[in-house]
Amino acid sequence: MYLTLELLEMTLKTSPIPTRKWKNSKDPVTERDRKRKESQQSVDRRIHYLWFHFLKLCLELESIGHVFEKKGGGGKIILGKGIPVRVNRDVYVRWDLENLRGMKFNDWYYGDNKRDLFNEGGFKYSGRPQYHSLEEKFNVFIRYFNGKTGDYDEDMDLCERIIKVYEKERFEQLKRDDSRSQGKSPFNKLIEKDVKDCERIILSVCEGRFPM
């Protein structure tokens, strides 16, 4: 894992994104989401919403001097090879970064026509990003960052709690899809993958690319 010992006692002010239930067709939230997907503008707005929140996370990590450490063989940290989180302000010159951290998305997006940043073609997301997957990685990163202690057993318990409490639906799906997972506890591996994926997204967002 890539959290330095100096930062273990820090907690992020950035909050996880409230998770919606997507699969129940009788759920009005799910039905509304299905209708949104019929409009490309609505799909784009949801990705812009995530971009906004990832950038806020980038700015907070930058403010506390966070560094993603590199590891070599055997998982040993390579000293002096860490990658600091730094937002490229030349890229985000029109995003009002000084005020963005304290703003809600709708106020930022519609209040000063910031959506034009995307409509004018300067900021295009790549590929076909999946909202739920990106949201999950974002939330897992924050919960792990805020809960990690450095003690192996406690951190294993944290990984299990994140999956069983906050990502229960995903873990149940994994067990259904792969019978080999029955009886095992790959909690730390699942969390580690999400954290690493989120780190790559964070570094990409710092340079103006989303998701990565």
C-alpha atoms as a PDB file:
ATOM      1  CA  MET A   1       0.000   0.000   0.000  1.00  0.00           C
ATOM      2  CA  TYR A   2       1.173   3.504  -0.733  1.00  0.00           C
ATOM      3  CA  LEU A   3       0.483   5.621   2.373  1.00  0.00           C
ATOM      4  CA  THR A   4       3.509   7.089   4.103  1.00  0.00           C
ATOM      5  CA  LEU A   5       3.918   6.641   7.849  1.00  0.00           C
ATOM      6  CA  GLU A   6       3.974  10.414   8.363  1.00  0.00           C
ATOM      7  CA  LEU A   7       0.447  10.689   6.979  1.00  0.00           C
ATOM      8  CA  LEU A   8      -1.179   7.765   8.743  1.00  0.00           C
ATOM      9  CA  GLU A   9      -2.757  10.003  11.374  1.00  0.00           C
ATOM     10  CA  MET A  10      -4.242  12.366   8.765  1.00  0.00           C
ATOM     11  CA  THR A  11      -7.774  12.026   7.562  1.00  0.00           C
ATOM     12  CA  LEU A  12      -9.207  13.427   4.382  1.00  0.00           C
ATOM     13  CA  LYS A  13     -11.994  15.979   4.562  1.00  0.00           C
ATOM     14  CA  THR A  14     -13.199  14.809   1.169  1.00  0.00           C
ATOM     15  CA  SER A  15     -16.187  12.545   1.738  1.00  0.00           C
ATOM     16  CA  PRO A  16     -17.127   9.365  -0.132  1.00  0.00           C
ATOM     17  CA  ILE A  17     -19.765   9.841  -2.820  1.00  0.00           C
ATOM     18  CA  PRO A  18     -23.165   8.517  -1.683  1.00  0.00           C
ATOM     19  CA  THR A  19     -23.708   5.172  -3.408  1.00  0.00           C
ATOM     20  CA  ARG A  20     -26.941   4.431  -5.236  1.00  0.00           C
ATOM     21  CA  LYS A  21     -28.569   1.081  -5.752  1.00  0.00           C
ATOM     22  CA  TRP A  22     -28.470   0.384  -9.471  1.00  0.00           C
ATOM     23  CA  LYS A  23     -29.804  -3.133 -10.028  1.00  0.00           C
ATOM     24  CA  ASN A  24     -33.313  -3.065  -8.595  1.00  0.00           C
ATOM     25  CA  SER A  25     -35.545  -2.114 -11.518  1.00  0.00           C
ATOM     26  CA  LYS A  26     -38.348  -1.202  -9.108  1.00  0.00           C
ATOM     27  CA  ASP A  27     -36.159   1.371  -7.371  1.00  0.00           C
ATOM     28  CA  PRO A  28     -37.175   4.877  -8.560  1.00  0.00           C
ATOM     29  CA  VAL A  29     -33.540   5.990  -8.324  1.00  0.00           C
ATOM     30  CA  THR A  30     -32.527   3.190 -10.677  1.00  0.00           C
ATOM     31  CA  GLU A  31     -35.367   3.989 -13.050  1.00  0.00           C
ATOM     32  CA  ARG A  32     -34.379   7.635 -13.108  1.00  0.00           C
ATOM     33  CA  ASP A  33     -30.786   6.632 -13.800  1.00  0.00           C
ATOM     34  CA  ARG A  34     -31.905   4.423 -16.692  1.00  0.00           C
ATOM     35  CA  LYS A  35     -33.721   7.369 -18.256  1.00  0.00           C
ATOM     36  CA  ARG A  36     -30.679   9.560 -17.794  1.00  0.00           C
ATOM     37  CA  LYS A  37     -28.609   7.125 -19.826  1.00  0.00           C
ATOM     38  CA  GLU A  38     -30.902   7.746 -22.784  1.00  0.00           C
ATOM     39  CA  SER A  39     -29.414  11.244 -23.020  1.00  0.00           C
ATOM     40  CA  GLN A  40     -25.725  11.659 -23.889  1.00  0.00           C
ATOM     41  CA  GLN A  41     -25.758  15.003 -22.123  1.00  0.00           C
ATOM     42  CA  SER A  42     -26.898  13.327 -18.910  1.00  0.00           C
ATOM     43  CA  VAL A  43     -24.243  10.619 -19.263  1.00  0.00           C
ATOM     44  CA  ASP A  44     -21.561  13.259 -19.802  1.00  0.00           C
ATOM     45  CA  ARG A  45     -22.728  15.284 -16.827  1.00  0.00           C
ATOM     46  CA  ARG A  46     -22.360  12.267 -14.527  1.00  0.00           C
ATOM     47  CA  ILE A  47     -18.751  11.795 -15.671  1.00  0.00           C
ATOM     48  CA  HIS A  48     -18.079  15.513 -15.270  1.00  0.00           C
ATOM     49  CA  TYR A  49     -19.463  15.166 -11.738  1.00  0.00           C
ATOM     50  CA  LEU A  50     -16.892  12.458 -10.984  1.00  0.00           C
ATOM     51  CA  TRP A  51     -14.094  14.457 -12.626  1.00  0.00           C
ATOM     52  CA  PHE A  52     -14.972  17.380 -10.360  1.00  0.00           C
ATOM     53  CA  HIS A  53     -14.812  15.199  -7.233  1.00  0.00           C
ATOM     54  CA  PHE A  54     -11.560  13.508  -8.237  1.00  0.00           C
ATOM     55  CA  LEU A  55     -10.018  16.927  -8.810  1.00  0.00           C
ATOM     56  CA  LYS A  56     -11.142  18.067  -5.353  1.00  0.00           C
ATOM     57  CA  LEU A  57      -9.461  14.967  -3.946  1.00  0.00           C
ATOM     58  CA  CYS A  58      -6.293  15.779  -5.914  1.00  0.00           C
ATOM     59  CA  LEU A  59      -6.240  19.296  -4.468  1.00  0.00           C
ATOM     60  CA  GLU A  60      -6.624  18.026  -0.918  1.00  0.00           C
ATOM     61  CA  LEU A  61      -3.898  15.404  -1.313  1.00  0.00           C
ATOM     62  CA  GLU A  62      -1.646  18.086  -2.776  1.00  0.00           C
ATOM     63  CA  SER A  63      -2.359  20.402   0.171  1.00  0.00           C
ATOM     64  CA  ILE A  64      -1.124  17.788   2.674  1.00  0.00           C
ATOM     65  CA  GLY A  65       1.952  16.942   0.598  1.00  0.00           C
ATOM     66  CA  HIS A  66       0.864  13.407  -0.172  1.00  0.00           C
ATOM     67  CA  VAL A  67       3.249  11.184  -2.127  1.00  0.00           C
ATOM     68  CA  PHE A  68       2.470   7.887  -3.845  1.00  0.00           C
ATOM     69  CA  GLU A  69       5.446   5.701  -3.025  1.00  0.00           C
ATOM     70  CA  LYS A  70       6.999   3.291  -5.484  1.00  0.00           C
ATOM     71  CA  LYS A  71       7.815  -0.281  -4.527  1.00  0.00           C
ATOM     72  CA  GLY A  72      10.354  -2.649  -5.938  1.00  0.00           C
ATOM     73  CA  GLY A  73      10.871  -6.388  -5.608  1.00  0.00           C
ATOM     74  CA  GLY A  74       9.372  -7.921  -2.511  1.00  0.00           C
ATOM     75  CA  GLY A  75       7.214  -4.884  -1.961  1.00  0.00           C
ATOM     76  CA  LYS A  76      10.081  -2.778  -0.602  1.00  0.00           C
ATOM     77  CA  ILE A  77       9.626   0.972  -0.861  1.00  0.00           C
ATOM     78  CA  ILE A  78      12.089   2.652  -3.228  1.00  0.00           C
ATOM     79  CA  LEU A  79      13.245   5.717  -1.330  1.00  0.00           C
ATOM     80  CA  GLY A  80      13.338   8.954  -3.286  1.00  0.00           C
ATOM     81  CA  LYS A  81      11.189   7.563  -6.095  1.00  0.00           C
ATOM     82  CA  GLY A  82       7.791   8.635  -4.859  1.00  0.00           C
ATOM     83  CA  ILE A  83       5.359  10.596  -7.016  1.00  0.00           C
ATOM     84  CA  PRO A  84       3.943  13.712  -5.332  1.00  0.00           C
ATOM     85  CA  VAL A  85       0.350  14.674  -6.013  1.00  0.00           C
ATOM     86  CA  ARG A  86       0.536  18.001  -7.870  1.00  0.00           C
ATOM     87  CA  VAL A  87      -2.261  19.561  -9.882  1.00  0.00           C
ATOM     88  CA  ASN A  88      -1.152  21.179 -13.145  1.00  0.00           C
ATOM     89  CA  ARG A  89      -2.546  24.672 -12.755  1.00  0.00           C
ATOM     90  CA  ASP A  90      -1.654  25.596 -16.327  1.00  0.00           C
ATOM     91  CA  VAL A  91      -4.080  22.910 -17.492  1.00  0.00           C
ATOM     92  CA  TYR A  92      -6.855  23.855 -15.068  1.00  0.00           C
ATOM     93  CA  VAL A  93      -6.453  27.606 -15.449  1.00  0.00           C
ATOM     94  CA  ARG A  94     -10.185  28.224 -16.004  1.00  0.00           C
ATOM     95  CA  TRP A  95     -11.486  25.833 -13.345  1.00  0.00           C
ATOM     96  CA  ASP A  96     -11.390  28.319 -10.439  1.00  0.00           C
ATOM     97  CA  LEU A  97      -9.247  25.973  -8.343  1.00  0.00           C
ATOM     98  CA  GLU A  98      -8.982  28.468  -5.482  1.00  0.00           C
ATOM     99  CA  ASN A  99     -12.714  28.144  -4.796  1.00  0.00           C
ATOM    100  CA  LEU A 100     -13.474  24.704  -6.221  1.00  0.00           C
ATOM    101  CA  ARG A 101     -12.620  22.745  -3.054  1.00  0.00           C
ATOM    102  CA  GLY A 102     -15.342  24.508  -1.104  1.00  0.00           C
ATOM    103  CA  MET A 103     -18.031  24.314  -3.788  1.00  0.00           C
ATOM    104  CA  LYS A 104     -20.799  21.884  -4.577  1.00  0.00           C
ATOM    105  CA  PHE A 105     -20.842  20.453  -8.078  1.00  0.00           C
ATOM    106  CA  ASN A 106     -24.052  22.093  -9.315  1.00  0.00           C
ATOM    107  CA  ASP A 107     -22.966  25.504  -8.049  1.00  0.00           C
ATOM    108  CA  TRP A 108     -19.624  25.146  -9.817  1.00  0.00           C
ATOM    109  CA  TYR A 109     -20.952  23.492 -12.991  1.00  0.00           C
ATOM    110  CA  TYR A 110     -23.886  25.810 -13.650  1.00  0.00           C
ATOM    111  CA  GLY A 111     -23.049  28.907 -11.626  1.00  0.00           C
ATOM    112  CA  ASP A 112     -20.347  30.241 -13.945  1.00  0.00           C
ATOM    113  CA  ASN A 113     -20.929  28.083 -17.025  1.00  0.00           C
ATOM    114  CA  LYS A 114     -18.077  25.748 -16.136  1.00  0.00           C
ATOM    115  CA  ARG A 115     -19.821  23.064 -18.204  1.00  0.00           C
ATOM    116  CA  ASP A 116     -18.570  24.991 -21.227  1.00  0.00           C
ATOM    117  CA  LEU A 117     -15.101  23.738 -20.328  1.00  0.00           C
ATOM    118  CA  PHE A 118     -16.295  20.328 -21.506  1.00  0.00           C
ATOM    119  CA  ASN A 119     -18.594  21.430 -24.308  1.00  0.00           C
ATOM    120  CA  GLU A 120     -15.846  23.409 -26.007  1.00  0.00           C
ATOM    121  CA  GLY A 121     -13.739  20.272 -26.335  1.00  0.00           C
ATOM    122  CA  GLY A 122     -10.904  21.240 -24.033  1.00  0.00           C
ATOM    123  CA  PHE A 123     -11.667  18.498 -21.526  1.00  0.00           C
ATOM    124  CA  LYS A 124     -12.860  15.186 -22.942  1.00  0.00           C
ATOM    125  CA  TYR A 125     -13.014  12.003 -20.938  1.00  0.00           C
ATOM    126  CA  SER A 126     -11.482   8.972 -22.596  1.00  0.00           C
ATOM    127  CA  GLY A 127     -12.948   5.567 -23.358  1.00  0.00           C
ATOM    128  CA  ARG A 128     -16.305   4.540 -21.917  1.00  0.00           C
ATOM    129  CA  PRO A 129     -15.920   5.206 -18.199  1.00  0.00           C
ATOM    130  CA  GLN A 130     -18.354   3.425 -15.910  1.00  0.00           C
ATOM    131  CA  TYR A 131     -19.804   5.691 -13.227  1.00  0.00           C
ATOM    132  CA  HIS A 132     -20.312   3.000 -10.615  1.00  0.00           C
ATOM    133  CA  SER A 133     -16.801   1.562 -10.983  1.00  0.00           C
ATOM    134  CA  LEU A 134     -15.138   4.977 -10.728  1.00  0.00           C
ATOM    135  CA  GLU A 135     -17.291   5.932  -7.771  1.00  0.00           C
ATOM    136  CA  GLU A 136     -16.340   2.681  -6.024  1.00  0.00           C
ATOM    137  CA  LYS A 137     -12.591   3.247  -6.465  1.00  0.00           C
ATOM    138  CA  PHE A 138     -12.948   6.831  -5.235  1.00  0.00           C
ATOM    139  CA  ASN A 139     -14.824   5.757  -2.119  1.00  0.00           C
ATOM    140  CA  VAL A 140     -12.559   2.798  -1.348  1.00  0.00           C
ATOM    141  CA  PHE A 141      -9.490   5.038  -1.573  1.00  0.00           C
ATOM    142  CA  ILE A 142     -10.927   7.550   0.911  1.00  0.00           C
ATOM    143  CA  ARG A 143     -12.135   4.919   3.372  1.00  0.00           C
ATOM    144  CA  TYR A 144      -8.841   3.054   3.262  1.00  0.00           C
ATOM    145  CA  PHE A 145      -6.783   6.244   3.542  1.00  0.00           C
ATOM    146  CA  ASN A 146      -8.771   7.419   6.561  1.00  0.00           C
ATOM    147  CA  GLY A 147      -8.817   4.035   8.296  1.00  0.00           C
ATOM    148  CA  LYS A 148      -5.335   2.606   7.704  1.00  0.00           C
ATOM    149  CA  THR A 149      -3.225   2.193  10.841  1.00  0.00           C
ATOM    150  CA  GLY A 150      -0.115   0.366   9.618  1.00  0.00           C
ATOM    151  CA  ASP A 151      -0.947  -2.680  11.738  1.00  0.00           C
ATOM    152  CA  TYR A 152      -1.419  -5.727   9.498  1.00  0.00           C
ATOM    153  CA  ASP A 153      -4.322  -7.310  11.391  1.00  0.00           C
ATOM    154  CA  GLU A 154      -6.153  -4.020  11.882  1.00  0.00           C
ATOM    155  CA  ASP A 155      -5.734  -3.116   8.222  1.00  0.00           C
ATOM    156  CA  MET A 156      -6.996  -6.536   7.152  1.00  0.00           C
ATOM    157  CA  ASP A 157     -10.058  -5.963   9.340  1.00  0.00           C
ATOM    158  CA  LEU A 158     -10.479  -2.565   7.711  1.00  0.00           C
ATOM    159  CA  CYS A 159     -10.366  -4.088   4.208  1.00  0.00           C
ATOM    160  CA  GLU A 160     -12.940  -6.683   5.201  1.00  0.00           C
ATOM    161  CA  ARG A 161     -15.177  -4.026   6.729  1.00  0.00           C
ATOM    162  CA  ILE A 162     -14.973  -1.799   3.647  1.00  0.00           C
ATOM    163  CA  ILE A 163     -16.065  -4.657   1.411  1.00  0.00           C
ATOM    164  CA  LYS A 164     -18.675  -6.243   3.660  1.00  0.00           C
ATOM    165  CA  VAL A 165     -20.252  -2.994   4.829  1.00  0.00           C
ATOM    166  CA  TYR A 166     -19.692  -0.438   2.065  1.00  0.00           C
ATOM    167  CA  GLU A 167     -19.057  -2.661  -0.978  1.00  0.00           C
ATOM    168  CA  LYS A 168     -21.197  -5.632   0.010  1.00  0.00           C
ATOM    169  CA  GLU A 169     -23.059  -5.868  -3.279  1.00  0.00           C
ATOM    170  CA  ARG A 170     -19.833  -5.932  -5.276  1.00  0.00           C
ATOM    171  CA  PHE A 171     -18.244  -8.590  -3.073  1.00  0.00           C
ATOM    172  CA  GLU A 172     -21.338 -10.770  -3.247  1.00  0.00           C
ATOM    173  CA  GLN A 173     -21.218 -10.472  -7.029  1.00  0.00           C
ATOM    174  CA  LEU A 174     -17.565 -11.533  -7.058  1.00  0.00           C
ATOM    175  CA  LYS A 175     -18.386 -14.605  -4.996  1.00  0.00           C
ATOM    176  CA  ARG A 176     -21.211 -15.532  -7.359  1.00  0.00           C
ATOM    177  CA  ASP A 177     -19.001 -15.087 -10.420  1.00  0.00           C
ATOM    178  CA  ASP A 178     -16.016 -17.011  -9.060  1.00  0.00           C
ATOM    179  CA  SER A 179     -16.658 -20.102  -6.938  1.00  0.00           C
ATOM    180  CA  ARG A 180     -12.932 -20.238  -6.137  1.00  0.00           C
ATOM    181  CA  SER A 181     -13.383 -17.199  -3.882  1.00  0.00           C
ATOM    182  CA  GLN A 182     -15.620 -19.206  -1.547  1.00  0.00           C
ATOM    183  CA  GLY A 183     -13.993 -19.678   1.826  1.00  0.00           C
ATOM    184  CA  LYS A 184     -11.159 -17.264   1.082  1.00  0.00           C
ATOM    185  CA  SER A 185     -10.621 -13.710   2.292  1.00  0.00           C
ATOM    186  CA  PRO A 186      -9.083 -11.705  -0.565  1.00  0.00           C
ATOM    187  CA  PHE A 187     -10.227  -8.471   1.056  1.00  0.00           C
ATOM    188  CA  ASN A 188      -6.810  -6.837   1.134  1.00  0.00           C
ATOM    189  CA  LYS A 189      -6.109  -7.784  -2.500  1.00  0.00           C
ATOM    190  CA  LEU A 190      -9.400  -6.333  -3.679  1.00  0.00           C
ATOM    191  CA  ILE A 191      -8.867  -3.126  -1.740  1.00  0.00           C
ATOM    192  CA  GLU A 192      -5.246  -2.847  -2.865  1.00  0.00           C
ATOM    193  CA  LYS A 193      -6.298  -3.072  -6.502  1.00  0.00           C
ATOM    194  CA  ASP A 194      -8.943  -0.364  -6.079  1.00  0.00           C
ATOM    195  CA  VAL A 195      -6.492   1.891  -4.235  1.00  0.00           C
ATOM    196  CA  LYS A 196      -3.829   1.489  -6.924  1.00  0.00           C
ATOM    197  CA  ASP A 197      -6.371   2.097  -9.682  1.00  0.00           C
ATOM    198  CA  CYS A 198      -7.529   5.234  -7.884  1.00  0.00           C
ATOM    199  CA  GLU A 199      -3.952   6.445  -7.517  1.00  0.00           C
ATOM    200  CA  ARG A 200      -3.457   6.157 -11.270  1.00  0.00           C
ATOM    201  CA  ILE A 201      -6.680   8.070 -11.870  1.00  0.00           C
ATOM    202  CA  ILE A 202      -5.599  10.775  -9.415  1.00  0.00           C
ATOM    203  CA  LEU A 203      -2.269  11.267 -11.172  1.00  0.00           C
ATOM    204  CA  SER A 204      -4.053  11.359 -14.524  1.00  0.00           C
ATOM    205  CA  VAL A 205      -6.561  13.936 -13.303  1.00  0.00           C
ATOM    206  CA  CYS A 206      -3.710  16.085 -12.007  1.00  0.00           C
ATOM    207  CA  GLU A 207      -2.603  16.424 -15.634  1.00  0.00           C
ATOM    208  CA  GLY A 208      -6.090  17.050 -17.019  1.00  0.00           C
ATOM    209  CA  ARG A 209      -6.993  13.541 -18.196  1.00  0.00           C
ATOM    210  CA  PHE A 210      -9.941  11.441 -17.024  1.00  0.00           C
ATOM    211  CA  PRO A 211     -10.315   8.738 -16.088  1.00  0.00           C
ATOM    212  CA  MET A 212      -6.723   7.634 -16.907  1.00  0.00           C
END
